[in-house]
N, C-alpha and C. Protein backbone atom coordinates (compact mmCIF):
# COMPACT_ATOMS: atom_id res chain seq x y z
N MET A 1 129.80 123.91 77.07
CA MET A 1 128.77 122.90 76.93
C MET A 1 128.22 123.02 75.52
N ASN A 2 128.19 121.91 74.75
CA ASN A 2 127.64 122.01 73.42
C ASN A 2 126.12 122.06 73.47
N ARG A 3 125.52 122.36 72.35
CA ARG A 3 124.08 122.59 72.31
C ARG A 3 123.28 121.36 72.73
N LEU A 4 123.65 120.15 72.28
CA LEU A 4 122.91 118.93 72.60
C LEU A 4 122.98 118.62 74.10
N SER A 5 124.15 118.74 74.66
CA SER A 5 124.26 118.44 76.09
C SER A 5 123.54 119.50 76.92
N ARG A 6 123.54 120.75 76.44
CA ARG A 6 122.81 121.80 77.15
C ARG A 6 121.31 121.53 77.12
N GLU A 7 120.76 121.09 75.98
CA GLU A 7 119.33 120.77 75.89
C GLU A 7 118.98 119.58 76.76
N CYS A 8 119.84 118.57 76.79
CA CYS A 8 119.60 117.40 77.64
C CYS A 8 119.62 117.81 79.11
N PHE A 9 120.60 118.68 79.47
CA PHE A 9 120.69 119.15 80.84
C PHE A 9 119.43 119.91 81.25
N LEU A 10 118.96 120.79 80.36
CA LEU A 10 117.75 121.57 80.66
C LEU A 10 116.53 120.67 80.74
N THR A 11 116.46 119.65 79.90
CA THR A 11 115.32 118.71 79.94
C THR A 11 115.32 117.94 81.24
N VAL A 12 116.49 117.43 81.63
CA VAL A 12 116.60 116.68 82.88
C VAL A 12 116.26 117.58 84.06
N CYS A 13 116.79 118.78 84.08
CA CYS A 13 116.48 119.72 85.18
C CYS A 13 115.00 120.06 85.21
N GLY A 14 114.41 120.26 84.03
CA GLY A 14 112.99 120.58 83.96
C GLY A 14 112.13 119.43 84.48
N LEU A 15 112.49 118.20 84.11
CA LEU A 15 111.75 117.03 84.61
C LEU A 15 111.92 116.89 86.12
N ALA A 16 113.13 117.09 86.59
CA ALA A 16 113.38 116.99 88.03
C ALA A 16 112.56 118.03 88.78
N TRP A 17 112.49 119.27 88.22
CA TRP A 17 111.72 120.31 88.86
C TRP A 17 110.24 119.93 88.90
N LEU A 18 109.69 119.37 87.79
CA LEU A 18 108.28 118.95 87.75
C LEU A 18 107.99 117.86 88.77
N VAL A 19 108.91 116.90 88.87
CA VAL A 19 108.73 115.81 89.83
C VAL A 19 108.75 116.37 91.25
N ALA A 20 109.69 117.25 91.53
CA ALA A 20 109.78 117.84 92.87
C ALA A 20 108.55 118.67 93.18
N ALA A 21 108.06 119.44 92.20
CA ALA A 21 106.87 120.27 92.43
C ALA A 21 105.64 119.41 92.65
N ALA A 22 105.53 118.33 91.88
CA ALA A 22 104.37 117.44 92.05
C ALA A 22 104.41 116.75 93.41
N GLY A 23 105.62 116.39 93.85
CA GLY A 23 105.75 115.71 95.14
C GLY A 23 105.48 116.63 96.31
N SER A 24 105.69 117.92 96.12
CA SER A 24 105.47 118.84 97.24
C SER A 24 104.01 119.20 97.42
N GLN A 25 103.18 118.96 96.40
CA GLN A 25 101.76 119.23 96.55
C GLN A 25 101.15 118.09 97.36
N GLN A 26 100.40 118.44 98.37
CA GLN A 26 99.80 117.42 99.21
C GLN A 26 98.51 116.94 98.58
N ALA A 27 98.38 115.62 98.50
CA ALA A 27 97.14 115.05 97.99
C ALA A 27 96.05 115.21 99.04
N ALA A 28 94.84 115.36 98.57
CA ALA A 28 93.72 115.47 99.51
C ALA A 28 93.60 114.16 100.28
N PRO A 29 93.46 114.21 101.61
CA PRO A 29 93.37 112.97 102.38
C PRO A 29 92.10 112.21 102.02
N LEU A 30 92.24 110.89 102.02
CA LEU A 30 91.07 110.05 101.76
C LEU A 30 90.16 110.07 102.98
N ALA A 31 88.89 110.02 102.73
CA ALA A 31 87.94 109.98 103.85
C ALA A 31 88.09 108.63 104.55
N ALA A 32 88.27 108.67 105.84
CA ALA A 32 88.40 107.43 106.62
C ALA A 32 87.04 106.76 106.73
N ALA A 33 87.06 105.44 106.72
CA ALA A 33 85.81 104.69 106.87
C ALA A 33 85.27 104.92 108.28
N PRO A 34 83.95 105.01 108.41
CA PRO A 34 83.37 105.19 109.74
C PRO A 34 83.68 103.99 110.65
N VAL A 35 83.83 104.27 111.93
CA VAL A 35 84.02 103.23 112.93
C VAL A 35 82.85 103.35 113.90
N ILE A 36 82.11 102.25 114.04
CA ILE A 36 80.87 102.26 114.82
C ILE A 36 80.99 101.26 115.98
N ALA A 37 80.69 101.73 117.19
CA ALA A 37 80.71 100.86 118.36
C ALA A 37 79.42 100.05 118.41
N LEU A 38 79.56 98.73 118.51
CA LEU A 38 78.37 97.87 118.64
C LEU A 38 77.78 98.07 120.03
N GLN A 39 76.46 98.20 120.08
CA GLN A 39 75.73 98.34 121.33
C GLN A 39 74.50 97.44 121.26
N PRO A 40 74.12 96.82 122.38
CA PRO A 40 72.95 95.94 122.36
C PRO A 40 71.70 96.66 121.86
N SER A 41 70.92 95.95 121.04
CA SER A 41 69.63 96.40 120.52
C SER A 41 69.70 97.61 119.60
N VAL A 42 70.88 97.96 119.12
CA VAL A 42 71.05 99.05 118.16
C VAL A 42 71.67 98.44 116.92
N CYS A 43 70.99 98.55 115.78
CA CYS A 43 71.47 97.96 114.53
C CYS A 43 71.93 99.05 113.57
N PRO A 44 73.17 99.53 113.71
CA PRO A 44 73.62 100.62 112.84
C PRO A 44 73.70 100.17 111.38
N VAL A 45 73.50 101.10 110.49
CA VAL A 45 73.62 100.82 109.05
C VAL A 45 75.09 100.95 108.69
N VAL A 46 75.63 99.91 108.05
CA VAL A 46 77.04 99.88 107.68
C VAL A 46 77.18 99.53 106.20
N LYS A 47 78.39 99.75 105.70
CA LYS A 47 78.71 99.36 104.32
C LYS A 47 80.08 98.67 104.34
N PRO A 48 80.43 97.95 103.29
CA PRO A 48 81.74 97.29 103.26
C PRO A 48 82.88 98.27 103.53
N GLY A 49 83.82 97.84 104.35
CA GLY A 49 84.95 98.68 104.72
C GLY A 49 84.77 99.45 106.00
N ASP A 50 83.53 99.62 106.46
CA ASP A 50 83.30 100.30 107.73
C ASP A 50 83.89 99.47 108.86
N GLY A 51 84.25 100.15 109.93
CA GLY A 51 84.77 99.48 111.11
C GLY A 51 83.69 99.29 112.15
N LEU A 52 83.76 98.17 112.86
CA LEU A 52 82.89 97.91 114.01
C LEU A 52 83.79 97.64 115.20
N THR A 53 83.40 98.12 116.38
CA THR A 53 84.17 97.85 117.58
C THR A 53 83.26 97.28 118.66
N LEU A 54 83.88 96.56 119.57
CA LEU A 54 83.15 96.00 120.71
C LEU A 54 84.09 96.01 121.90
N ASP A 55 83.66 96.61 123.00
CA ASP A 55 84.38 96.53 124.27
C ASP A 55 83.67 95.47 125.09
N TRP A 56 84.41 94.40 125.46
CA TRP A 56 83.76 93.25 126.08
C TRP A 56 84.72 92.52 127.00
N ASN A 57 84.17 91.96 128.08
CA ASN A 57 84.93 91.09 128.97
C ASN A 57 84.49 89.66 128.67
N PRO A 58 85.31 88.88 127.95
CA PRO A 58 84.89 87.54 127.58
C PRO A 58 84.82 86.56 128.75
N GLY A 59 85.38 86.89 129.88
CA GLY A 59 85.31 86.02 131.04
C GLY A 59 85.79 84.60 130.75
N MET A 60 87.06 84.35 130.93
CA MET A 60 87.64 83.05 130.65
C MET A 60 87.84 82.29 131.95
N ALA A 61 87.58 80.97 131.92
CA ALA A 61 87.78 80.13 133.10
C ALA A 61 88.64 78.93 132.70
N PRO A 62 89.68 78.61 133.45
CA PRO A 62 90.12 79.31 134.67
C PRO A 62 90.84 80.61 134.32
N GLU A 63 90.52 81.64 135.06
CA GLU A 63 91.05 82.98 134.82
C GLU A 63 92.57 83.04 134.96
N SER A 64 93.12 82.28 135.92
CA SER A 64 94.56 82.31 136.16
C SER A 64 95.36 81.74 135.00
N ALA A 65 94.72 81.02 134.11
CA ALA A 65 95.41 80.40 132.98
C ALA A 65 95.57 81.36 131.80
N VAL A 66 94.87 82.50 131.85
CA VAL A 66 94.80 83.39 130.69
C VAL A 66 95.72 84.60 130.86
N ALA A 67 96.58 84.81 129.86
CA ALA A 67 97.47 85.97 129.84
C ALA A 67 96.94 87.05 128.91
N GLY A 68 95.95 86.72 128.08
CA GLY A 68 95.38 87.67 127.12
C GLY A 68 94.48 86.94 126.14
N ILE A 69 94.03 87.64 125.13
CA ILE A 69 93.19 87.06 124.09
C ILE A 69 93.97 87.11 122.78
N ALA A 70 94.18 85.93 122.16
CA ALA A 70 94.93 85.84 120.90
C ALA A 70 94.03 86.09 119.70
N ARG A 71 92.81 85.54 119.71
CA ARG A 71 91.86 85.71 118.60
C ARG A 71 90.46 85.83 119.17
N PHE A 72 89.64 86.61 118.45
CA PHE A 72 88.24 86.78 118.87
C PHE A 72 87.41 86.94 117.62
N SER A 73 86.34 86.17 117.52
CA SER A 73 85.47 86.22 116.34
C SER A 73 84.01 86.36 116.76
N LEU A 74 83.28 87.08 115.93
CA LEU A 74 81.84 87.20 116.09
C LEU A 74 81.19 86.64 114.83
N ILE A 75 80.17 85.81 114.99
CA ILE A 75 79.46 85.25 113.85
C ILE A 75 78.05 85.81 113.86
N PHE A 76 77.74 86.55 112.80
CA PHE A 76 76.44 87.18 112.66
C PHE A 76 75.63 86.41 111.63
N GLY A 77 74.35 86.15 111.93
CA GLY A 77 73.45 85.50 111.00
C GLY A 77 72.53 86.51 110.36
N LEU A 78 72.22 86.26 109.09
CA LEU A 78 71.29 87.12 108.36
C LEU A 78 69.88 86.83 108.85
N SER A 79 69.18 87.84 109.30
CA SER A 79 67.83 87.69 109.84
C SER A 79 66.81 87.65 108.71
N THR A 80 65.76 86.86 108.89
CA THR A 80 64.69 86.79 107.89
C THR A 80 63.80 88.00 107.95
N GLY A 81 63.85 88.72 109.05
CA GLY A 81 62.98 89.87 109.23
C GLY A 81 61.63 89.46 109.81
N GLU A 82 61.35 88.17 109.85
CA GLU A 82 60.10 87.66 110.39
C GLU A 82 60.37 87.14 111.80
N GLY A 83 60.21 87.97 112.77
CA GLY A 83 60.45 87.57 114.14
C GLY A 83 61.92 87.47 114.48
N GLY A 84 62.78 87.89 113.58
CA GLY A 84 64.21 87.91 113.86
C GLY A 84 64.91 86.58 113.72
N THR A 85 64.27 85.54 113.18
CA THR A 85 64.94 84.25 113.03
C THR A 85 66.01 84.35 111.94
N LEU A 86 67.01 83.49 112.04
CA LEU A 86 68.12 83.52 111.09
C LEU A 86 67.82 82.64 109.89
N VAL A 87 68.30 83.05 108.72
CA VAL A 87 68.14 82.28 107.50
C VAL A 87 69.01 81.03 107.63
N THR A 88 68.40 79.86 107.48
CA THR A 88 69.15 78.61 107.60
C THR A 88 69.11 77.82 106.30
N HIS A 89 70.08 76.94 106.15
CA HIS A 89 70.16 76.04 105.00
C HIS A 89 69.70 74.65 105.43
N PRO A 90 69.43 73.74 104.48
CA PRO A 90 68.89 72.42 104.82
C PRO A 90 69.70 71.63 105.84
N HIS A 91 71.01 71.80 105.89
CA HIS A 91 71.83 71.02 106.82
C HIS A 91 72.05 71.72 108.15
N GLY A 92 71.30 72.76 108.41
CA GLY A 92 71.37 73.44 109.70
C GLY A 92 72.33 74.62 109.75
N GLU A 93 73.13 74.82 108.68
CA GLU A 93 74.00 75.99 108.69
C GLU A 93 73.14 77.23 108.49
N PHE A 94 73.62 78.35 108.97
CA PHE A 94 72.86 79.57 108.73
C PHE A 94 73.65 80.51 107.83
N SER A 95 72.91 81.39 107.15
CA SER A 95 73.54 82.37 106.28
C SER A 95 74.05 83.51 107.14
N GLY A 96 75.26 83.93 106.86
CA GLY A 96 75.78 85.02 107.65
C GLY A 96 77.23 85.30 107.34
N VAL A 97 77.90 85.87 108.33
CA VAL A 97 79.28 86.28 108.15
C VAL A 97 80.03 86.13 109.47
N ALA A 98 81.28 85.66 109.37
CA ALA A 98 82.15 85.58 110.54
C ALA A 98 83.10 86.77 110.48
N LEU A 99 83.13 87.55 111.54
CA LEU A 99 84.04 88.69 111.63
C LEU A 99 85.13 88.36 112.64
N ARG A 100 86.37 88.36 112.18
CA ARG A 100 87.50 88.09 113.07
C ARG A 100 88.13 89.43 113.46
N ALA A 101 88.40 89.60 114.73
CA ALA A 101 88.97 90.87 115.21
C ALA A 101 90.30 91.13 114.52
N SER A 102 90.45 92.32 113.95
CA SER A 102 91.70 92.70 113.30
C SER A 102 92.66 93.34 114.30
N ALA A 103 92.13 93.78 115.43
CA ALA A 103 92.95 94.35 116.49
C ALA A 103 92.28 94.04 117.83
N ILE A 104 93.10 93.70 118.81
CA ILE A 104 92.62 93.39 120.16
C ILE A 104 93.48 94.19 121.13
N THR A 105 92.83 95.03 121.91
CA THR A 105 93.54 95.87 122.88
C THR A 105 93.01 95.58 124.27
N PRO A 106 93.89 95.16 125.21
CA PRO A 106 93.42 94.95 126.57
C PRO A 106 93.05 96.27 127.24
N LEU A 107 91.96 96.25 127.98
CA LEU A 107 91.52 97.41 128.76
C LEU A 107 91.71 97.04 130.24
N VAL A 108 90.86 97.51 131.11
CA VAL A 108 90.97 97.18 132.54
C VAL A 108 89.89 96.18 132.93
N ASN A 109 90.10 95.51 134.06
CA ASN A 109 89.13 94.59 134.66
C ASN A 109 88.67 93.47 133.72
N GLY A 110 89.59 92.94 132.91
CA GLY A 110 89.26 91.82 132.03
C GLY A 110 88.60 92.21 130.72
N PHE A 111 88.38 93.49 130.49
CA PHE A 111 87.77 93.94 129.24
C PHE A 111 88.81 94.06 128.14
N TYR A 112 88.33 93.91 126.91
CA TYR A 112 89.16 94.08 125.72
C TYR A 112 88.40 94.94 124.72
N HIS A 113 89.15 95.65 123.91
CA HIS A 113 88.58 96.44 122.81
C HIS A 113 88.88 95.66 121.53
N PHE A 114 87.83 95.21 120.86
CA PHE A 114 87.96 94.41 119.64
C PHE A 114 87.56 95.27 118.44
N GLU A 115 88.33 95.18 117.36
CA GLU A 115 88.03 95.93 116.14
C GLU A 115 87.81 94.95 114.98
N PHE A 116 86.78 95.23 114.19
CA PHE A 116 86.39 94.38 113.06
C PHE A 116 86.18 95.27 111.84
N GLN A 117 86.19 94.64 110.66
CA GLN A 117 85.88 95.37 109.43
C GLN A 117 84.76 94.65 108.71
N VAL A 118 83.78 95.42 108.23
CA VAL A 118 82.66 94.87 107.48
C VAL A 118 83.19 94.43 106.11
N PRO A 119 83.04 93.13 105.77
CA PRO A 119 83.57 92.65 104.49
C PRO A 119 82.67 93.02 103.31
N ALA A 120 83.24 92.95 102.13
CA ALA A 120 82.49 93.18 100.89
C ALA A 120 81.65 91.94 100.59
N GLY A 121 80.62 92.11 99.79
CA GLY A 121 79.84 90.98 99.29
C GLY A 121 78.71 90.51 100.19
N LEU A 122 78.37 91.26 101.21
CA LEU A 122 77.27 90.85 102.08
C LEU A 122 75.93 91.18 101.45
N SER A 123 74.97 90.32 101.66
CA SER A 123 73.62 90.57 101.22
C SER A 123 73.02 91.67 102.08
N GLY A 124 72.15 92.49 101.50
CA GLY A 124 71.47 93.51 102.27
C GLY A 124 70.57 92.87 103.31
N GLY A 125 70.48 93.46 104.49
CA GLY A 125 69.61 92.95 105.53
C GLY A 125 70.18 93.19 106.91
N VAL A 126 69.50 92.64 107.90
CA VAL A 126 69.92 92.78 109.30
C VAL A 126 70.69 91.53 109.70
N TYR A 127 71.87 91.73 110.26
CA TYR A 127 72.72 90.63 110.74
C TYR A 127 72.72 90.67 112.26
N LYS A 128 72.34 89.54 112.88
CA LYS A 128 72.26 89.45 114.34
C LYS A 128 73.34 88.53 114.85
N LEU A 129 73.94 88.91 115.98
CA LEU A 129 75.00 88.10 116.56
C LEU A 129 74.45 86.75 117.00
N ALA A 130 75.04 85.68 116.49
CA ALA A 130 74.59 84.33 116.82
C ALA A 130 75.59 83.57 117.69
N LYS A 131 76.88 83.81 117.45
CA LYS A 131 77.93 83.09 118.18
C LYS A 131 79.14 83.99 118.35
N ALA A 132 79.95 83.65 119.32
CA ALA A 132 81.23 84.33 119.52
C ALA A 132 82.25 83.28 119.93
N ALA A 133 83.50 83.51 119.58
CA ALA A 133 84.56 82.57 119.95
C ALA A 133 85.80 83.36 120.35
N ALA A 134 86.43 82.91 121.43
CA ALA A 134 87.66 83.54 121.91
C ALA A 134 88.73 82.47 122.06
N VAL A 135 89.93 82.79 121.62
CA VAL A 135 91.09 81.92 121.80
C VAL A 135 92.05 82.67 122.71
N PRO A 136 92.27 82.15 123.92
CA PRO A 136 93.14 82.87 124.85
C PRO A 136 94.62 82.63 124.58
N THR A 137 95.42 83.57 125.05
CA THR A 137 96.86 83.38 125.16
C THR A 137 97.07 82.82 126.56
N LEU A 138 97.72 81.67 126.65
CA LEU A 138 97.88 81.02 127.95
C LEU A 138 99.03 81.63 128.75
N ALA A 139 98.85 81.62 130.07
CA ALA A 139 99.93 82.03 130.97
C ALA A 139 101.12 81.10 130.74
N ARG A 140 102.31 81.61 130.90
CA ARG A 140 103.54 80.88 130.57
C ARG A 140 103.63 79.50 131.22
N ASP A 141 103.31 79.38 132.47
CA ASP A 141 103.50 78.11 133.17
C ASP A 141 102.21 77.28 133.33
N TYR A 142 101.15 77.65 132.62
CA TYR A 142 99.88 76.92 132.75
C TYR A 142 99.95 75.58 132.04
N GLN A 143 99.47 74.51 132.70
CA GLN A 143 99.52 73.15 132.16
C GLN A 143 98.16 72.46 132.14
N GLY A 144 97.08 73.13 132.47
CA GLY A 144 95.77 72.49 132.59
C GLY A 144 94.97 72.48 131.30
N PRO A 145 93.66 72.22 131.42
CA PRO A 145 92.78 72.20 130.24
C PRO A 145 92.64 73.60 129.64
N ALA A 146 92.27 73.64 128.38
CA ALA A 146 92.11 74.92 127.68
C ALA A 146 91.02 75.76 128.34
N PRO A 147 91.31 77.01 128.65
CA PRO A 147 90.29 77.89 129.23
C PRO A 147 89.14 78.10 128.25
N GLN A 148 87.96 78.30 128.79
CA GLN A 148 86.75 78.50 127.98
C GLN A 148 86.13 79.86 128.31
N MET A 149 85.55 80.48 127.28
CA MET A 149 84.86 81.75 127.48
C MET A 149 83.49 81.46 128.11
N TYR A 150 83.18 82.13 129.21
CA TYR A 150 81.87 81.93 129.84
C TYR A 150 80.97 83.15 129.73
N ASN A 151 81.48 84.26 129.21
CA ASN A 151 80.68 85.47 129.09
C ASN A 151 80.63 85.88 127.62
N SER A 152 79.77 85.22 126.86
CA SER A 152 79.69 85.46 125.42
C SER A 152 78.80 86.66 125.12
N PRO A 153 79.23 87.51 124.18
CA PRO A 153 78.37 88.63 123.80
C PRO A 153 77.13 88.18 123.03
N SER A 154 77.07 86.91 122.62
CA SER A 154 75.89 86.42 121.90
C SER A 154 74.65 86.38 122.80
N SER A 155 74.85 86.55 124.11
CA SER A 155 73.69 86.62 125.01
C SER A 155 73.01 87.99 124.93
N GLN A 156 73.65 88.94 124.25
CA GLN A 156 73.10 90.28 124.05
C GLN A 156 72.55 90.40 122.63
N SER A 157 71.81 91.43 122.37
CA SER A 157 71.19 91.64 121.05
C SER A 157 72.04 92.56 120.18
N PHE A 158 73.26 92.12 119.84
CA PHE A 158 74.11 92.91 118.97
C PHE A 158 73.72 92.65 117.52
N CYS A 159 73.74 93.70 116.69
CA CYS A 159 73.36 93.53 115.29
C CYS A 159 73.90 94.70 114.47
N PHE A 160 73.85 94.55 113.15
CA PHE A 160 74.13 95.64 112.23
C PHE A 160 73.30 95.41 110.98
N THR A 161 73.09 96.47 110.22
CA THR A 161 72.26 96.42 109.01
C THR A 161 73.11 96.80 107.80
N VAL A 162 73.02 95.98 106.75
CA VAL A 162 73.69 96.29 105.49
C VAL A 162 72.61 96.68 104.50
N GLN A 163 72.73 97.89 103.94
CA GLN A 163 71.78 98.29 102.91
C GLN A 163 72.29 97.79 101.58
N GLY A 164 71.38 97.40 100.73
CA GLY A 164 71.79 96.94 99.41
C GLY A 164 70.93 95.82 98.92
N ARG A 165 71.28 95.36 97.73
CA ARG A 165 70.49 94.29 97.11
C ARG A 165 70.83 92.95 97.75
N SER A 166 69.92 92.03 97.63
CA SER A 166 70.14 90.69 98.17
C SER A 166 70.99 89.89 97.21
N VAL A 167 72.00 89.25 97.75
CA VAL A 167 72.82 88.30 97.00
C VAL A 167 72.87 87.03 97.82
N VAL A 168 73.42 85.98 97.28
CA VAL A 168 73.50 84.74 98.03
C VAL A 168 74.54 84.94 99.13
N PRO A 169 74.12 84.87 100.42
CA PRO A 169 75.06 85.08 101.51
C PRO A 169 75.97 83.87 101.71
N GLN A 170 77.03 84.07 102.47
CA GLN A 170 77.95 83.00 102.79
C GLN A 170 77.27 81.97 103.67
N ARG A 171 77.71 80.74 103.59
CA ARG A 171 77.23 79.69 104.49
C ARG A 171 78.18 79.56 105.65
N ILE A 172 77.67 79.56 106.84
CA ILE A 172 78.49 79.43 108.05
C ILE A 172 78.13 78.09 108.71
N PRO A 173 79.09 77.17 108.82
CA PRO A 173 78.76 75.87 109.44
C PRO A 173 78.52 75.99 110.93
């Protein structure tokens, strides 16, 4: 082996060894974002990226038409802090955020486990559940009218609190 090829060989081997050594070192695991179960009348403090969960039976009618839940959304309104009313705009829309379930897991007796993520850009304050929407997966042979949710979690006092400065919140029609 001549001198140049020997130096190239040693350089390549040295680089390969460095790459292999770097790859074998385990990186410190990233801290997982907290996951908080929503409970009535408890307003946990959250930040963007945190997870929220809700175990709920949406109660769809007619029940025989439903094979599962395809989509589930919760719409939270920003509270004024004065008696808990929601911040509204001139045309009746309220300030808030729509959270769409990123995962839906069926449980027993018609219950589902819904997972949501707190989005970035929310104004600081208390967000109270104002509306909920469920889109069912229909049974294969069902031919009737679209099933409707009759057991909405908006009848409960679900909420969460975002700490931070106030910014212009999203408009929800």
